[in-house]
Protein backbone atom coordinates (compact mmCIF):
# COMPACT_ATOMS: atom_id res chain seq x y z
CA UNK A 1 10.00 25.51 -1.84
CA UNK A 2 7.86 22.46 -2.50
CA UNK A 3 6.21 22.28 -5.87
CA UNK A 4 3.93 19.57 -7.16
CA UNK A 5 5.40 17.81 -10.19
CA UNK A 6 3.57 15.18 -12.22
CA UNK A 7 5.54 12.15 -13.39
CA UNK A 8 7.27 12.47 -16.75
CA UNK A 9 8.35 8.92 -17.67
CA UNK A 10 6.68 5.53 -17.66
CA UNK A 11 8.74 4.42 -14.66
CA UNK A 12 7.73 7.49 -12.72
CA UNK A 13 4.06 6.90 -13.53
CA UNK A 14 4.26 3.29 -12.36
CA UNK A 15 5.89 4.31 -9.08
CA UNK A 16 3.55 7.28 -8.64
CA UNK A 17 0.49 5.07 -9.10
CA UNK A 18 1.65 2.96 -6.15
CA UNK A 19 1.67 6.10 -3.98
CA UNK A 20 -1.84 6.97 -5.20
CA UNK A 21 -2.91 3.42 -4.29
CA UNK A 22 -1.53 3.98 -0.78
CA UNK A 23 -3.45 7.24 -0.39
CA UNK A 24 -6.74 5.74 -1.55
CA UNK A 25 -6.23 2.64 0.57
CA UNK A 26 -5.35 4.78 3.60
CA UNK A 27 -8.39 7.02 3.14
CA UNK A 28 -10.71 4.03 2.90
CA UNK A 29 -9.25 2.42 6.00
CA UNK A 30 -9.28 5.67 7.95
CA UNK A 31 -12.69 7.05 7.00
CA UNK A 32 -14.73 3.89 6.37
CA UNK A 33 -13.16 0.92 8.19
CA UNK A 34 -16.50 -0.89 8.59
CA UNK A 35 -17.28 -0.75 4.88
CA UNK A 36 -13.69 -1.69 4.02
CA UNK A 37 -13.76 -4.79 6.23
CA UNK A 38 -17.20 -5.76 4.89
CA UNK A 39 -15.93 -5.41 1.33
CA UNK A 40 -12.94 -7.65 2.11
CA UNK A 41 -15.17 -10.04 4.07
CA UNK A 42 -13.09 -9.56 7.22
CA UNK A 43 -14.75 -9.64 10.62
CA UNK A 44 -13.35 -7.58 13.46
CA UNK A 45 -14.61 -9.16 16.66
CA UNK A 46 -14.08 -6.43 19.18
CA UNK A 47 -16.28 -5.09 21.95
CA UNK A 48 -14.20 -2.07 22.88
CA UNK A 49 -13.33 -0.60 19.46
CA UNK A 50 -9.63 -1.47 19.45
CA UNK A 51 -9.93 -3.24 16.09
CA UNK A 52 -11.41 -0.17 14.42
CA UNK A 53 -8.81 2.04 16.09
CA UNK A 54 -6.06 -0.18 14.66
CA UNK A 55 -7.68 0.01 11.24
CA UNK A 56 -8.02 3.80 11.33
CA UNK A 57 -4.72 4.61 13.05
CA UNK A 58 -1.69 2.54 12.06
CA UNK A 59 -3.14 0.97 8.92
CA UNK A 60 -5.12 3.88 7.49
CA UNK A 61 -3.02 6.72 8.86
CA UNK A 62 0.27 5.05 8.01
CA UNK A 63 -0.70 4.36 4.42
CA UNK A 64 -2.21 7.81 3.96
CA UNK A 65 0.74 9.65 5.49
CA UNK A 66 3.40 7.78 3.55
CA UNK A 67 1.48 7.97 0.29
CA UNK A 68 0.91 11.72 0.63
CA UNK A 69 4.56 12.31 1.51
CA UNK A 70 5.64 10.50 -1.64
CA UNK A 71 3.17 12.39 -3.83
CA UNK A 72 4.15 15.76 -2.38
CA UNK A 73 7.91 15.15 -2.49
CA UNK A 74 7.97 13.40 -5.88
CA UNK A 75 10.50 12.52 -7.40
CA UNK A 76 12.57 11.33 -4.42
CA UNK A 77 14.04 7.85 -5.04
CA UNK A 78 14.49 7.14 -1.33
CA UNK A 79 10.77 7.58 -0.72
CA UNK A 80 10.02 5.20 -3.57
CA UNK A 81 12.44 2.69 -2.05
CA UNK A 82 10.49 3.00 1.21
CA UNK A 83 7.09 2.28 -0.34
CA UNK A 84 8.55 -0.35 -2.69
CA UNK A 85 10.03 -2.14 0.31
CA UNK A 86 6.73 -1.84 2.14
CA UNK A 87 4.84 -3.42 -0.76
CA UNK A 88 7.48 -6.14 -1.12
CA UNK A 89 7.19 -7.09 2.55
CA UNK A 90 3.39 -6.95 2.34
CA UNK A 91 3.65 -9.53 -0.46
CA UNK A 92 6.06 -11.63 1.62
CA UNK A 93 3.57 -11.53 4.50
CA UNK A 94 0.83 -12.77 2.15
CA UNK A 95 3.09 -15.60 0.98
CA UNK A 96 3.81 -16.57 4.58
CA UNK A 97 0.08 -16.56 5.31
CA UNK A 98 -0.56 -18.81 2.32
CA UNK A 99 2.18 -21.25 3.37
CA UNK A 100 2.00 -21.21 7.18
CA UNK A 101 -1.68 -20.46 7.78
CA UNK A 102 -2.92 -22.58 4.87
CA UNK A 103 -5.07 -19.70 3.58
CA UNK A 104 -5.86 -20.11 -0.09
CA UNK A 105 -8.66 -17.66 -0.85
CA UNK A 106 -8.91 -15.79 -4.12
CA UNK A 107 -8.67 -12.45 -2.29
CA UNK A 108 -5.27 -13.38 -0.85
CA UNK A 109 -3.93 -14.26 -4.30
CA UNK A 110 -5.29 -11.07 -5.88
CA UNK A 111 -3.80 -8.97 -3.07
CA UNK A 112 -0.49 -10.80 -3.40
CA UNK A 113 -0.32 -10.09 -7.13
CA UNK A 114 -1.25 -6.41 -6.69
CA UNK A 115 1.26 -5.84 -3.88
CA UNK A 116 4.04 -7.73 -5.66
CA UNK A 117 3.53 -5.72 -8.86
CA UNK A 118 3.35 -2.39 -7.04
CA UNK A 119 6.49 -3.26 -5.09
CA UNK A 120 8.35 -4.43 -8.19
CA UNK A 121 7.48 -1.40 -10.30
CA UNK A 122 8.26 1.04 -7.50
CA UNK A 123 11.61 -0.53 -6.65
CA UNK A 124 12.51 -0.92 -10.32
CA UNK A 125 11.94 2.81 -10.84
CA UNK A 126 13.82 3.76 -7.65
CA UNK A 127 16.86 1.68 -8.63
CA UNK A 128 16.85 2.88 -12.23
CA UNK A 129 15.74 -0.35 -13.91
CA UNK A 130 12.72 1.39 -15.48
CA UNK A 131 13.48 4.87 -16.81
């Protein structure tokens, strides 16, 4: 039987917040991709709707599905390793964009810091570094 359990320790709360972030991010991308891209000042140049479909499907649906799975099945360390790894590689992708694409906007740096912190806290909890 699945029962919903709230986090008990500081480490659990930090990891759990990263799953909540994924759910909120996924909902925004899935239900309001136009507003989300306007807020981030991203233009999707697309005549046939493929850009919005990519935003709603893999980006929004993936984040929402994984985040909900973690929240429902909390506390499962392997799930936290999965989202921690995801956030870590999101941060690595941002770093590569900064270095290779020469993109130095404030939004990129803020996103890098958020993703790196969420990845660190989630992985630290999953590996027992934060009780």
